[in-house]
Amino acid sequence: MDEFLTTDEQAGAQAPKTEFYLGTVTAWSNDTGVAVKLDGASAAMTKRYKMMYMCRPLHVNSRVVVMKQSGTYIVLGEIGNPNSWKNITNLADSASTADIIAKVNEILAWMRTQGILWTS
């Protein structure tokens, strides 16, 4: 079985320590990443960190799980109810164009309040 171990493992080196934290998003952008205030910290981190691609778009005050590995942080995902996203599945097949437009406008307005959608 020793043939499956790497040189570091054979030498007794330990794997990098992984830590998990809960926090709150204080700022984010698609270009620079996510800033988080970890629970128990007195201030938010000033550095921006990457997030998992499968994370839905975050917004300020989102509660998140953060992983620290090898001196850096990665935002793994948002904590919350899975059904908290707005959707248009409640439109009937026979909905009028006006009903569909009203629902789409409602969703867009909600996305703006969440910081998911910007207007120029």
PDB file of N, CA and C in Angstrom:
ATOM      1  N   MET A   1       0.825  -1.191   0.000  1.00  0.00           N
ATOM      2  CA  MET A   1       0.000   0.000   0.000  1.00  0.00           C
ATOM      3  C   MET A   1       0.864   1.248   0.000  1.00  0.00           C
ATOM      4  N   ASP A   2       2.105   1.200   0.429  1.00  0.00           N
ATOM      5  CA  ASP A   2       2.972   2.372   0.454  1.00  0.00           C
ATOM      6  C   ASP A   2       3.171   2.991  -0.920  1.00  0.00           C
ATOM      7  N   GLU A   3       3.007   2.209  -1.985  1.00  0.00           N
ATOM      8  CA  GLU A   3       3.211   2.753  -3.317  1.00  0.00           C
ATOM      9  C   GLU A   3       2.158   3.799  -3.686  1.00  0.00           C
ATOM     10  N   PHE A   4       1.060   3.888  -2.939  1.00  0.00           N
ATOM     11  CA  PHE A   4       0.017   4.874  -3.199  1.00  0.00           C
ATOM     12  C   PHE A   4       0.235   6.179  -2.432  1.00  0.00           C
ATOM     13  N   LEU A   5       1.171   6.228  -1.516  1.00  0.00           N
ATOM     14  CA  LEU A   5       1.416   7.427  -0.722  1.00  0.00           C
ATOM     15  C   LEU A   5       2.374   8.357  -1.456  1.00  0.00           C
ATOM     16  N   THR A   6       2.154   9.644  -1.301  1.00  0.00           N
ATOM     17  CA  THR A   6       3.079  10.601  -1.903  1.00  0.00           C
ATOM     18  C   THR A   6       4.308  10.742  -1.023  1.00  0.00           C
ATOM     19  N   THR A   7       5.306  11.382  -1.536  1.00  0.00           N
ATOM     20  CA  THR A   7       6.553  11.588  -0.796  1.00  0.00           C
ATOM     21  C   THR A   7       6.290  12.355   0.491  1.00  0.00           C
ATOM     22  N   ASP A   8       5.448  13.392   0.427  1.00  0.00           N
ATOM     23  CA  ASP A   8       5.148  14.170   1.622  1.00  0.00           C
ATOM     24  C   ASP A   8       4.473  13.318   2.687  1.00  0.00           C
ATOM     25  N   GLU A   9       3.544  12.463   2.262  1.00  0.00           N
ATOM     26  CA  GLU A   9       2.863  11.612   3.232  1.00  0.00           C
ATOM     27  C   GLU A   9       3.837  10.611   3.845  1.00  0.00           C
ATOM     28  N   GLN A  10       4.727  10.110   3.033  1.00  0.00           N
ATOM     29  CA  GLN A  10       5.704   9.158   3.538  1.00  0.00           C
ATOM     30  C   GLN A  10       6.642   9.828   4.532  1.00  0.00           C
ATOM     31  N   ALA A  11       6.917  11.111   4.333  1.00  0.00           N
ATOM     32  CA  ALA A  11       7.821  11.837   5.217  1.00  0.00           C
ATOM     33  C   ALA A  11       7.118  12.304   6.485  1.00  0.00           C
ATOM     34  N   GLY A  12       5.812  12.063   6.580  1.00  0.00           N
ATOM     35  CA  GLY A  12       5.078  12.449   7.777  1.00  0.00           C
ATOM     36  C   GLY A  12       4.504  13.853   7.714  1.00  0.00           C
ATOM     37  N   ALA A  13       4.538  14.486   6.551  1.00  0.00           N
ATOM     38  CA  ALA A  13       3.974  15.837   6.426  1.00  0.00           C
ATOM     39  C   ALA A  13       2.459  15.773   6.584  1.00  0.00           C
ATOM     40  N   GLN A  14       1.909  16.795   7.203  1.00  0.00           N
ATOM     41  CA  GLN A  14       0.470  16.834   7.398  1.00  0.00           C
ATOM     42  C   GLN A  14      -0.187  17.592   6.257  1.00  0.00           C
ATOM     43  N   ALA A  15      -1.407  17.189   5.947  1.00  0.00           N
ATOM     44  CA  ALA A  15      -2.181  17.891   4.925  1.00  0.00           C
ATOM     45  C   ALA A  15      -2.505  19.293   5.429  1.00  0.00           C
ATOM     46  N   PRO A  16      -2.667  20.260   4.522  1.00  0.00           N
ATOM     47  CA  PRO A  16      -3.028  21.613   4.947  1.00  0.00           C
ATOM     48  C   PRO A  16      -4.319  21.595   5.752  1.00  0.00           C
ATOM     49  N   LYS A  17      -4.379  22.407   6.781  1.00  0.00           N
ATOM     50  CA  LYS A  17      -5.551  22.471   7.636  1.00  0.00           C
ATOM     51  C   LYS A  17      -6.665  23.245   6.927  1.00  0.00           C
ATOM     52  N   THR A  18      -7.867  22.702   6.942  1.00  0.00           N
ATOM     53  CA  THR A  18      -9.027  23.361   6.361  1.00  0.00           C
ATOM     54  C   THR A  18      -9.956  23.773   7.481  1.00  0.00           C
ATOM     55  N   GLU A  19     -10.378  25.044   7.454  1.00  0.00           N
ATOM     56  CA  GLU A  19     -11.292  25.565   8.466  1.00  0.00           C
ATOM     57  C   GLU A  19     -12.527  26.121   7.769  1.00  0.00           C
ATOM     58  N   PHE A  20     -13.667  26.024   8.442  1.00  0.00           N
ATOM     59  CA  PHE A  20     -14.920  26.544   7.901  1.00  0.00           C
ATOM     60  C   PHE A  20     -15.489  27.588   8.849  1.00  0.00           C
ATOM     61  N   TYR A  21     -16.038  28.646   8.272  1.00  0.00           N
ATOM     62  CA  TYR A  21     -16.597  29.745   9.043  1.00  0.00           C
ATOM     63  C   TYR A  21     -17.958  30.141   8.486  1.00  0.00           C
ATOM     64  N   LEU A  22     -18.739  30.813   9.316  1.00  0.00           N
ATOM     65  CA  LEU A  22     -19.959  31.461   8.865  1.00  0.00           C
ATOM     66  C   LEU A  22     -19.681  32.949   8.821  1.00  0.00           C
ATOM     67  N   GLY A  23     -20.307  33.633   7.883  1.00  0.00           N
ATOM     68  CA  GLY A  23     -20.080  35.062   7.770  1.00  0.00           C
ATOM     69  C   GLY A  23     -21.204  35.751   7.026  1.00  0.00           C
ATOM     70  N   THR A  24     -21.042  37.048   6.864  1.00  0.00           N
ATOM     71  CA  THR A  24     -22.021  37.884   6.174  1.00  0.00           C
ATOM     72  C   THR A  24     -21.308  38.662   5.082  1.00  0.00           C
ATOM     73  N   VAL A  25     -21.874  38.661   3.878  1.00  0.00           N
ATOM     74  CA  VAL A  25     -21.295  39.388   2.756  1.00  0.00           C
ATOM     75  C   VAL A  25     -21.426  40.884   3.032  1.00  0.00           C
ATOM     76  N   THR A  26     -20.307  41.603   2.922  1.00  0.00           N
ATOM     77  CA  THR A  26     -20.323  43.053   3.118  1.00  0.00           C
ATOM     78  C   THR A  26     -20.185  43.806   1.802  1.00  0.00           C
ATOM     79  N   ALA A  27     -19.634  43.165   0.792  1.00  0.00           N
ATOM     80  CA  ALA A  27     -19.500  43.766  -0.539  1.00  0.00           C
ATOM     81  C   ALA A  27     -19.171  42.649  -1.516  1.00  0.00           C
ATOM     82  N   TRP A  28     -19.543  42.847  -2.772  1.00  0.00           N
ATOM     83  CA  TRP A  28     -19.178  41.877  -3.804  1.00  0.00           C
ATOM     84  C   TRP A  28     -19.304  42.510  -5.173  1.00  0.00           C
ATOM     85  N   SER A  29     -18.568  41.949  -6.109  1.00  0.00           N
ATOM     86  CA  SER A  29     -18.724  42.321  -7.508  1.00  0.00           C
ATOM     87  C   SER A  29     -18.235  41.155  -8.350  1.00  0.00           C
ATOM     88  N   ASN A  30     -18.709  41.096  -9.568  1.00  0.00           N
ATOM     89  CA  ASN A  30     -18.272  40.031 -10.470  1.00  0.00           C
ATOM     90  C   ASN A  30     -16.795  40.162 -10.800  1.00  0.00           C
ATOM     91  N   ASP A  31     -16.264  41.375 -10.747  1.00  0.00           N
ATOM     92  CA  ASP A  31     -14.873  41.603 -11.131  1.00  0.00           C
ATOM     93  C   ASP A  31     -13.877  41.340 -10.009  1.00  0.00           C
ATOM     94  N   THR A  32     -14.211  41.790  -8.791  1.00  0.00           N
ATOM     95  CA  THR A  32     -13.217  41.737  -7.717  1.00  0.00           C
ATOM     96  C   THR A  32     -13.473  40.659  -6.668  1.00  0.00           C
ATOM     97  N   GLY A  33     -14.660  40.092  -6.603  1.00  0.00           N
ATOM     98  CA  GLY A  33     -14.932  39.028  -5.659  1.00  0.00           C
ATOM     99  C   GLY A  33     -15.789  39.470  -4.489  1.00  0.00           C
ATOM    100  N   VAL A  34     -15.717  38.701  -3.400  1.00  0.00           N
ATOM    101  CA  VAL A  34     -16.613  38.855  -2.266  1.00  0.00           C
ATOM    102  C   VAL A  34     -15.830  39.275  -1.023  1.00  0.00           C
ATOM    103  N   ALA A  35     -16.341  40.288  -0.302  1.00  0.00           N
ATOM    104  CA  ALA A  35     -15.799  40.663   1.006  1.00  0.00           C
ATOM    105  C   ALA A  35     -16.773  40.146   2.053  1.00  0.00           C
ATOM    106  N   VAL A  36     -16.231  39.610   3.136  1.00  0.00           N
ATOM    107  CA  VAL A  36     -17.058  38.952   4.152  1.00  0.00           C
ATOM    108  C   VAL A  36     -16.628  39.406   5.540  1.00  0.00           C
ATOM    109  N   LYS A  37     -17.597  39.544   6.425  1.00  0.00           N
ATOM    110  CA  LYS A  37     -17.329  39.727   7.848  1.00  0.00           C
ATOM    111  C   LYS A  37     -17.638  38.390   8.510  1.00  0.00           C
ATOM    112  N   LEU A  38     -16.605  37.727   9.009  1.00  0.00           N
ATOM    113  CA  LEU A  38     -16.788  36.435   9.662  1.00  0.00           C
ATOM    114  C   LEU A  38     -17.475  36.628  11.004  1.00  0.00           C
ATOM    115  N   ASP A  39     -18.328  35.681  11.373  1.00  0.00           N
ATOM    116  CA  ASP A  39     -18.984  35.736  12.672  1.00  0.00           C
ATOM    117  C   ASP A  39     -17.931  35.818  13.769  1.00  0.00           C
ATOM    118  N   GLY A  40     -18.122  36.732  14.696  1.00  0.00           N
ATOM    119  CA  GLY A  40     -17.194  36.912  15.797  1.00  0.00           C
ATOM    120  C   GLY A  40     -16.079  37.899  15.510  1.00  0.00           C
ATOM    121  N   ALA A  41     -15.883  38.262  14.240  1.00  0.00           N
ATOM    122  CA  ALA A  41     -14.845  39.239  13.887  1.00  0.00           C
ATOM    123  C   ALA A  41     -15.358  40.649  14.170  1.00  0.00           C
ATOM    124  N   SER A  42     -14.445  41.539  14.492  1.00  0.00           N
ATOM    125  CA  SER A  42     -14.853  42.911  14.806  1.00  0.00           C
ATOM    126  C   SER A  42     -15.063  43.751  13.551  1.00  0.00           C
ATOM    127  N   ALA A  43     -14.484  43.337  12.433  1.00  0.00           N
ATOM    128  CA  ALA A  43     -14.630  44.107  11.194  1.00  0.00           C
ATOM    129  C   ALA A  43     -14.634  43.161  10.000  1.00  0.00           C
ATOM    130  N   ALA A  44     -15.136  43.670   8.900  1.00  0.00           N
ATOM    131  CA  ALA A  44     -15.139  42.883   7.661  1.00  0.00           C
ATOM    132  C   ALA A  44     -13.731  42.783   7.099  1.00  0.00           C
ATOM    133  N   MET A  45     -13.477  41.716   6.360  1.00  0.00           N
ATOM    134  CA  MET A  45     -12.206  41.572   5.666  1.00  0.00           C
ATOM    135  C   MET A  45     -12.157  42.602   4.538  1.00  0.00           C
ATOM    136  N   THR A  46     -11.012  43.208   4.329  1.00  0.00           N
ATOM    137  CA  THR A  46     -10.890  44.197   3.263  1.00  0.00           C
ATOM    138  C   THR A  46     -10.549  43.537   1.936  1.00  0.00           C
ATOM    139  N   LYS A  47      -9.914  42.398   1.982  1.00  0.00           N
ATOM    140  CA  LYS A  47      -9.571  41.682   0.759  1.00  0.00           C
ATOM    141  C   LYS A  47     -10.817  41.011   0.186  1.00  0.00           C
ATOM    142  N   ARG A  48     -10.876  40.905  -1.117  1.00  0.00           N
ATOM    143  CA  ARG A  48     -11.981  40.218  -1.792  1.00  0.00           C
ATOM    144  C   ARG A  48     -11.547  38.797  -2.122  1.00  0.00           C
ATOM    145  N   TYR A  49     -12.471  37.858  -1.976  1.00  0.00           N
ATOM    146  CA  TYR A  49     -12.175  36.453  -2.205  1.00  0.00           C
ATOM    147  C   TYR A  49     -13.076  35.867  -3.281  1.00  0.00           C
ATOM    148  N   LYS A  50     -12.654  34.769  -3.863  1.00  0.00           N
ATOM    149  CA  LYS A  50     -13.406  34.073  -4.903  1.00  0.00           C
ATOM    150  C   LYS A  50     -14.558  33.286  -4.272  1.00  0.00           C
ATOM    151  N   MET A  51     -15.523  32.941  -5.118  1.00  0.00           N
ATOM    152  CA  MET A  51     -16.626  32.107  -4.659  1.00  0.00           C
ATOM    153  C   MET A  51     -16.798  30.945  -5.627  1.00  0.00           C
ATOM    154  N   MET A  52     -17.475  29.915  -5.185  1.00  0.00           N
ATOM    155  CA  MET A  52     -17.743  28.755  -6.026  1.00  0.00           C
ATOM    156  C   MET A  52     -18.607  29.183  -7.208  1.00  0.00           C
ATOM    157  N   TYR A  53     -18.351  28.623  -8.372  1.00  0.00           N
ATOM    158  CA  TYR A  53     -19.145  28.951  -9.549  1.00  0.00           C
ATOM    159  C   TYR A  53     -20.614  28.606  -9.376  1.00  0.00           C
ATOM    160  N   MET A  54     -20.898  27.557  -8.614  1.00  0.00           N
ATOM    161  CA  MET A  54     -22.298  27.157  -8.469  1.00  0.00           C
ATOM    162  C   MET A  54     -23.066  28.037  -7.487  1.00  0.00           C
ATOM    163  N   CYS A  55     -22.402  28.975  -6.824  1.00  0.00           N
ATOM    164  CA  CYS A  55     -23.106  29.894  -5.938  1.00  0.00           C
ATOM    165  C   CYS A  55     -24.042  30.766  -6.757  1.00  0.00           C
ATOM    166  N   ARG A  56     -25.234  30.921  -6.242  1.00  0.00           N
ATOM    167  CA  ARG A  56     -26.109  31.879  -6.917  1.00  0.00           C
ATOM    168  C   ARG A  56     -25.545  33.268  -6.666  1.00  0.00           C
ATOM    169  N   PRO A  57     -25.928  34.247  -7.450  1.00  0.00           N
ATOM    170  CA  PRO A  57     -25.399  35.600  -7.211  1.00  0.00           C
ATOM    171  C   PRO A  57     -25.680  36.049  -5.783  1.00  0.00           C
ATOM    172  N   LEU A  58     -24.659  36.495  -5.107  1.00  0.00           N
ATOM    173  CA  LEU A  58     -24.799  36.922  -3.724  1.00  0.00           C
ATOM    174  C   LEU A  58     -25.199  38.385  -3.664  1.00  0.00           C
ATOM    175  N   HIS A  59     -25.668  38.805  -2.523  1.00  0.00           N
ATOM    176  CA  HIS A  59     -25.959  40.210  -2.299  1.00  0.00           C
ATOM    177  C   HIS A  59     -25.467  40.587  -0.909  1.00  0.00           C
ATOM    178  N   VAL A  60     -25.325  41.875  -0.661  1.00  0.00           N
ATOM    179  CA  VAL A  60     -24.877  42.346   0.642  1.00  0.00           C
ATOM    180  C   VAL A  60     -25.844  41.837   1.705  1.00  0.00           C
ATOM    181  N   ASN A  61     -25.309  41.400   2.813  1.00  0.00           N
ATOM    182  CA  ASN A  61     -26.015  40.806   3.957  1.00  0.00           C
ATOM    183  C   ASN A  61     -26.389  39.346   3.765  1.00  0.00           C
ATOM    184  N   SER A  62     -25.978  38.710   2.665  1.00  0.00           N
ATOM    185  CA  SER A  62     -26.168  37.269   2.515  1.00  0.00           C
ATOM    186  C   SER A  62     -25.367  36.557   3.588  1.00  0.00           C
ATOM    187  N   ARG A  63     -25.928  35.519   4.172  1.00  0.00           N
ATOM    188  CA  ARG A  63     -25.201  34.665   5.112  1.00  0.00           C
ATOM    189  C   ARG A  63     -24.522  33.571   4.298  1.00  0.00           C
ATOM    190  N   VAL A  64     -23.219  33.372   4.539  1.00  0.00           N
ATOM    191  CA  VAL A  64     -22.453  32.444   3.717  1.00  0.00           C
ATOM    192  C   VAL A  64     -21.580  31.520   4.559  1.00  0.00           C
ATOM    193  N   VAL A  65     -21.181  30.405   3.935  1.00  0.00           N
ATOM    194  CA  VAL A  65     -20.186  29.497   4.490  1.00  0.00           C
ATOM    195  C   VAL A  65     -18.881  29.791   3.770  1.00  0.00           C
ATOM    196  N   VAL A  66     -17.810  29.959   4.549  1.00  0.00           N
ATOM    197  CA  VAL A  66     -16.504  30.313   4.004  1.00  0.00           C
ATOM    198  C   VAL A  66     -15.500  29.243   4.433  1.00  0.00           C
ATOM    199  N   MET A  67     -14.657  28.831   3.480  1.00  0.00           N
ATOM    200  CA  MET A  67     -13.623  27.845   3.773  1.00  0.00           C
ATOM    201  C   MET A  67     -12.266  28.530   3.722  1.00  0.00           C
ATOM    202  N   LYS A  68     -11.432  28.271   4.729  1.00  0.00           N
ATOM    203  CA  LYS A  68     -10.051  28.754   4.714  1.00  0.00           C
ATOM    204  C   LYS A  68      -9.150  27.560   4.450  1.00  0.00           C
ATOM    205  N   GLN A  69      -8.317  27.695   3.426  1.00  0.00           N
ATOM    206  CA  GLN A  69      -7.400  26.620   3.053  1.00  0.00           C
ATOM    207  C   GLN A  69      -6.096  27.244   2.595  1.00  0.00           C
ATOM    208  N   SER A  70      -5.008  26.831   3.170  1.00  0.00           N
ATOM    209  CA  SER A  70      -3.670  27.306   2.777  1.00  0.00           C
ATOM    210  C   SER A  70      -3.567  28.822   2.745  1.00  0.00           C
ATOM    211  N   GLY A  71      -4.157  29.488   3.748  1.00  0.00           N
ATOM    212  CA  GLY A  71      -4.000  30.928   3.886  1.00  0.00           C
ATOM    213  C   GLY A  71      -4.948  31.786   3.075  1.00  0.00           C
ATOM    214  N   THR A  72      -5.881  31.181   2.348  1.00  0.00           N
ATOM    215  CA  THR A  72      -6.843  31.973   1.600  1.00  0.00           C
ATOM    216  C   THR A  72      -8.255  31.493   1.902  1.00  0.00           C
ATOM    217  N   TYR A  73      -9.231  32.303   1.540  1.00  0.00           N
ATOM    218  CA  TYR A  73     -10.629  31.979   1.791  1.00  0.00           C
ATOM    219  C   TYR A  73     -11.363  31.782   0.475  1.00  0.00           C
ATOM    220  N   ILE A  74     -12.364  30.904   0.490  1.00  0.00           N
ATOM    221  CA  ILE A  74     -13.259  30.698  -0.646  1.00  0.00           C
ATOM    222  C   ILE A  74     -14.680  30.688  -0.105  1.00  0.00           C
ATOM    223  N   VAL A  75     -15.552  31.494  -0.699  1.00  0.00           N
ATOM    224  CA  VAL A  75     -16.958  31.495  -0.300  1.00  0.00           C
ATOM    225  C   VAL A  75     -17.610  30.290  -0.968  1.00  0.00           C
ATOM    226  N   LEU A  76     -18.105  29.351  -0.161  1.00  0.00           N
ATOM    227  CA  LEU A  76     -18.673  28.117  -0.692  1.00  0.00           C
ATOM    228  C   LEU A  76     -20.127  28.256  -1.098  1.00  0.00           C
ATOM    229  N   GLY A  77     -20.872  29.095  -0.408  1.00  0.00           N
ATOM    230  CA  GLY A  77     -22.271  29.233  -0.776  1.00  0.00           C
ATOM    231  C   GLY A  77     -23.065  29.993   0.251  1.00  0.00           C
ATOM    232  N   GLU A  78     -24.268  30.358  -0.154  1.00  0.00           N
ATOM    233  CA  GLU A  78     -25.173  31.117   0.696  1.00  0.00           C
ATOM    234  C   GLU A  78     -25.995  30.175   1.555  1.00  0.00           C
ATOM    235  N   ILE A  79     -26.312  30.630   2.752  1.00  0.00           N
ATOM    236  CA  ILE A  79     -27.156  29.882   3.674  1.00  0.00           C
ATOM    237  C   ILE A  79     -28.549  30.495   3.609  1.00  0.00           C
ATOM    238  N   GLY A  80     -29.543  29.680   3.437  1.00  0.00           N
ATOM    239  CA  GLY A  80     -30.908  30.195   3.381  1.00  0.00           C
ATOM    240  C   GLY A  80     -31.864  29.154   2.860  1.00  0.00           C
ATOM    241  N   ASN A  81     -33.104  29.519   2.790  1.00  0.00           N
ATOM    242  CA  ASN A  81     -34.117  28.606   2.286  1.00  0.00           C
ATOM    243  C   ASN A  81     -33.920  28.389   0.790  1.00  0.00           C
ATOM    244  N   PRO A  82     -33.988  27.148   0.334  1.00  0.00           N
ATOM    245  CA  PRO A  82     -33.773  26.890  -1.086  1.00  0.00           C
ATOM    246  C   PRO A  82     -34.864  27.473  -1.969  1.00  0.00           C
ATOM    247  N   ASN A  83     -35.998  27.780  -1.414  1.00  0.00           N
ATOM    248  CA  ASN A  83     -37.093  28.296  -2.233  1.00  0.00           C
ATOM    249  C   ASN A  83     -37.210  29.810  -2.159  1.00  0.00           C
ATOM    250  N   SER A  84     -36.125  30.496  -1.777  1.00  0.00           N
ATOM    251  CA  SER A  84     -36.200  31.943  -1.598  1.00  0.00           C
ATOM    252  C   SER A  84     -36.033  32.717  -2.908  1.00  0.00           C
ATOM    253  N   TRP A  85     -35.728  32.024  -3.996  1.00  0.00           N
ATOM    254  CA  TRP A  85     -35.599  32.686  -5.291  1.00  0.00           C
ATOM    255  C   TRP A  85     -36.965  32.986  -5.863  1.00  0.00           C
ATOM    256  N   LYS A  86     -37.075  34.132  -6.491  1.00  0.00           N
ATOM    257  CA  LYS A  86     -38.299  34.458  -7.214  1.00  0.00           C
ATOM    258  C   LYS A  86     -38.316  33.620  -8.491  1.00  0.00           C
ATOM    259  N   ASN A  87     -39.506  33.262  -8.938  1.00  0.00           N
ATOM    260  CA  ASN A  87     -39.599  32.522 -10.188  1.00  0.00           C
ATOM    261  C   ASN A  87     -40.910  32.841 -10.884  1.00  0.00           C
ATOM    262  N   ILE A  88     -41.032  32.349 -12.092  1.00  0.00           N
ATOM    263  CA  ILE A  88     -42.256  32.606 -12.846  1.00  0.00           C
ATOM    264  C   ILE A  88     -43.049  31.323 -13.057  1.00  0.00           C
ATOM    265  N   THR A  89     -42.774  30.309 -12.263  1.00  0.00           N
ATOM    266  CA  THR A  89     -43.467  29.041 -12.458  1.00  0.00           C
ATOM    267  C   THR A  89     -44.933  29.112 -12.058  1.00  0.00           C
ATOM    268  N   ASN A  90     -45.335  30.149 -11.348  1.00  0.00           N
ATOM    269  CA  ASN A  90     -46.737  30.229 -10.953  1.00  0.00           C
ATOM    270  C   ASN A  90     -47.606  30.906 -12.013  1.00  0.00           C
ATOM    271  N   LEU A  91     -47.039  31.208 -13.183  1.00  0.00           N
ATOM    272  CA  LEU A  91     -47.843  31.750 -14.272  1.00  0.00           C
ATOM    273  C   LEU A  91     -48.544  30.589 -14.985  1.00  0.00           C
ATOM    274  N   ALA A  92     -49.808  30.728 -15.161  1.00  0.00           N
ATOM    275  CA  ALA A  92     -50.567  29.693 -15.861  1.00  0.00           C
ATOM    276  C   ALA A  92     -50.210  29.697 -17.341  1.00  0.00           C
ATOM    277  N   ASP A  93     -50.436  28.568 -18.001  1.00  0.00           N
ATOM    278  CA  ASP A  93     -50.180  28.484 -19.439  1.00  0.00           C
ATOM    279  C   ASP A  93     -50.997  29.513 -20.212  1.00  0.00           C
ATOM    280  N   SER A  94     -52.129  29.882 -19.666  1.00  0.00           N
ATOM    281  CA  SER A  94     -53.004  30.810 -20.376  1.00  0.00           C
ATOM    282  C   SER A  94     -52.846  32.253 -19.890  1.00  0.00           C
ATOM    283  N   ALA A  95     -51.709  32.562 -19.205  1.00  0.00           N
ATOM    284  CA  ALA A  95     -51.511  33.921 -18.701  1.00  0.00           C
ATOM    285  C   ALA A  95     -51.448  34.906 -19.857  1.00  0.00           C
ATOM    286  N   SER A  96     -51.995  36.069 -19.624  1.00  0.00           N
ATOM    287  CA  SER A  96     -51.972  37.102 -20.662  1.00  0.00           C
ATOM    288  C   SER A  96     -50.566  37.696 -20.758  1.00  0.00           C
ATOM    289  N   THR A  97     -50.295  38.349 -21.863  1.00  0.00           N
ATOM    290  CA  THR A  97     -49.014  39.030 -22.044  1.00  0.00           C
ATOM    291  C   THR A  97     -48.805  40.051 -20.931  1.00  0.00           C
ATOM    292  N   ALA A  98     -49.864  40.752 -20.563  1.00  0.00           N
ATOM    293  CA  ALA A  98     -49.762  41.754 -19.500  1.00  0.00           C
ATOM    294  C   ALA A  98     -49.379  41.096 -18.170  1.00  0.00           C
ATOM    295  N   ASP A  99     -49.940  39.923 -17.875  1.00  0.00           N
ATOM    296  CA  ASP A  99     -49.599  39.206 -16.643  1.00  0.00           C
ATOM    297  C   ASP A  99     -48.129  38.797 -16.644  1.00  0.00           C
ATOM    298  N   ILE A 100     -47.657  38.305 -17.786  1.00  0.00           N
ATOM    299  CA  ILE A 100     -46.257  37.875 -17.889  1.00  0.00           C
ATOM    300  C   ILE A 100     -45.328  39.074 -17.724  1.00  0.00           C
ATOM    301  N   ILE A 101     -45.638  40.187 -18.380  1.00  0.00           N
ATOM    302  CA  ILE A 101     -44.813  41.388 -18.258  1.00  0.00           C
ATOM    303  C   ILE A 101     -44.803  41.891 -16.818  1.00  0.00           C
ATOM    304  N   ALA A 102     -45.940  41.869 -16.154  1.00  0.00           N
ATOM    305  CA  ALA A 102     -46.012  42.310 -14.762  1.00  0.00           C
ATOM    306  C   ALA A 102     -45.144  41.425 -13.869  1.00  0.00           C
ATOM    307  N   LYS A 103     -45.193  40.114 -14.087  1.00  0.00           N
ATOM    308  CA  LYS A 103     -44.399  39.185 -13.278  1.00  0.00           C
ATOM    309  C   LYS A 103     -42.906  39.371 -13.538  1.00  0.00           C
ATOM    310  N   VAL A 104     -42.521  39.541 -14.802  1.00  0.00           N
ATOM    311  CA  VAL A 104     -41.108  39.764 -15.132  1.00  0.00           C
ATOM    312  C   VAL A 104     -40.626  41.065 -14.495  1.00  0.00           C
ATOM    313  N   ASN A 105     -41.425  42.109 -14.548  1.00  0.00           N
ATOM    314  CA  ASN A 105     -41.050  43.377 -13.906  1.00  0.00           C
ATOM    315  C   ASN A 105     -40.910  43.214 -12.396  1.00  0.00           C
ATOM    316  N   GLU A 106     -41.777  42.406 -11.789  1.00  0.00           N
ATOM    317  CA  GLU A 106     -41.679  42.129 -10.348  1.00  0.00           C
ATOM    318  C   GLU A 106     -40.359  41.429 -10.033  1.00  0.00           C
ATOM    319  N   ILE A 107     -39.994  40.462 -10.847  1.00  0.00           N
ATOM    320  CA  ILE A 107     -38.738  39.729 -10.637  1.00  0.00           C
ATOM    321  C   ILE A 107     -37.545  40.656 -10.821  1.00  0.00           C
ATOM    322  N   LEU A 108     -37.559  41.479 -11.852  1.00  0.00           N
ATOM    323  CA  LEU A 108     -36.457  42.420 -12.077  1.00  0.00           C
ATOM    324  C   LEU A 108     -36.325  43.404 -10.921  1.00  0.00           C
ATOM    325  N   ALA A 109     -37.443  43.906 -10.414  1.00  0.00           N
ATOM    326  CA  ALA A 109     -37.406  44.828  -9.266  1.00  0.00           C
ATOM    327  C   ALA A 109     -36.811  44.135  -8.053  1.00  0.00           C
ATOM    328  N   TRP A 110     -37.201  42.886  -7.820  1.00  0.00           N
ATOM    329  CA  TRP A 110     -36.646  42.125  -6.690  1.00  0.00           C
ATOM    330  C   TRP A 110     -35.144  41.922  -6.884  1.00  0.00           C
ATOM    331  N   MET A 111     -34.705  41.612  -8.106  1.00  0.00           N
ATOM    332  CA  MET A 111     -33.286  41.406  -8.368  1.00  0.00           C
ATOM    333  C   MET A 111     -32.492  42.681  -8.103  1.00  0.00           C
ATOM    334  N   ARG A 112     -33.050  43.836  -8.419  1.00  0.00           N
ATOM    335  CA  ARG A 112     -32.367  45.103  -8.131  1.00  0.00           C
ATOM    336  C   ARG A 112     -32.205  45.306  -6.632  1.00  0.00           C
ATOM    337  N   THR A 113     -33.229  44.960  -5.847  1.00  0.00           N
ATOM    338  CA  THR A 113     -33.140  45.135  -4.395  1.00  0.00           C
ATOM    339  C   THR A 113     -32.109  44.201  -3.788  1.00  0.00           C
ATOM    340  N   GLN A 114     -31.827  43.087  -4.445  1.00  0.00           N
ATOM    341  CA  GLN A 114     -30.865  42.113  -3.948  1.00  0.00           C
ATOM    342  C   GLN A 114     -29.450  42.380  -4.440  1.00  0.00           C
ATOM    343  N   GLY A 115     -29.292  43.383  -5.302  1.00  0.00           N
ATOM    344  CA  GLY A 115     -27.974  43.674  -5.857  1.00  0.00           C
ATOM    345  C   GLY A 115     -27.569  42.715  -6.952  1.00  0.00           C
ATOM    346  N   ILE A 116     -28.495  41.946  -7.483  1.00  0.00           N
ATOM    347  CA  ILE A 116     -28.207  40.979  -8.528  1.00  0.00           C
ATOM    348  C   ILE A 116     -28.221  41.639  -9.899  1.00  0.00           C
ATOM    349  N   LEU A 117     -28.994  42.688 -10.040  1.00  0.00           N
ATOM    350  CA  LEU A 117     -29.182  43.355 -11.320  1.00  0.00           C
ATOM    351  C   LEU A 117     -28.975  44.847 -11.125  1.00  0.00           C
ATOM    352  N   TRP A 118     -28.194  45.441 -12.002  1.00  0.00           N
ATOM    353  CA  TRP A 118     -27.947  46.870 -11.932  1.00  0.00           C
ATOM    354  C   TRP A 118     -28.558  47.550 -13.133  1.00  0.00           C
ATOM    355  N   THR A 119     -28.900  48.789 -12.957  1.00  0.00           N
ATOM    356  CA  THR A 119     -29.333  49.612 -14.079  1.00  0.00           C
ATOM    357  C   THR A 119     -28.279  50.688 -14.296  1.00  0.00           C
ATOM    358  N   SER A 120     -28.024  50.980 -15.554  1.00  0.00           N
ATOM    359  CA  SER A 120     -26.983  51.979 -15.839  1.00  0.00           C
ATOM    360  C   SER A 120     -27.578  53.343 -16.028  1.00  0.00           C
TER     361      SER A 120
END
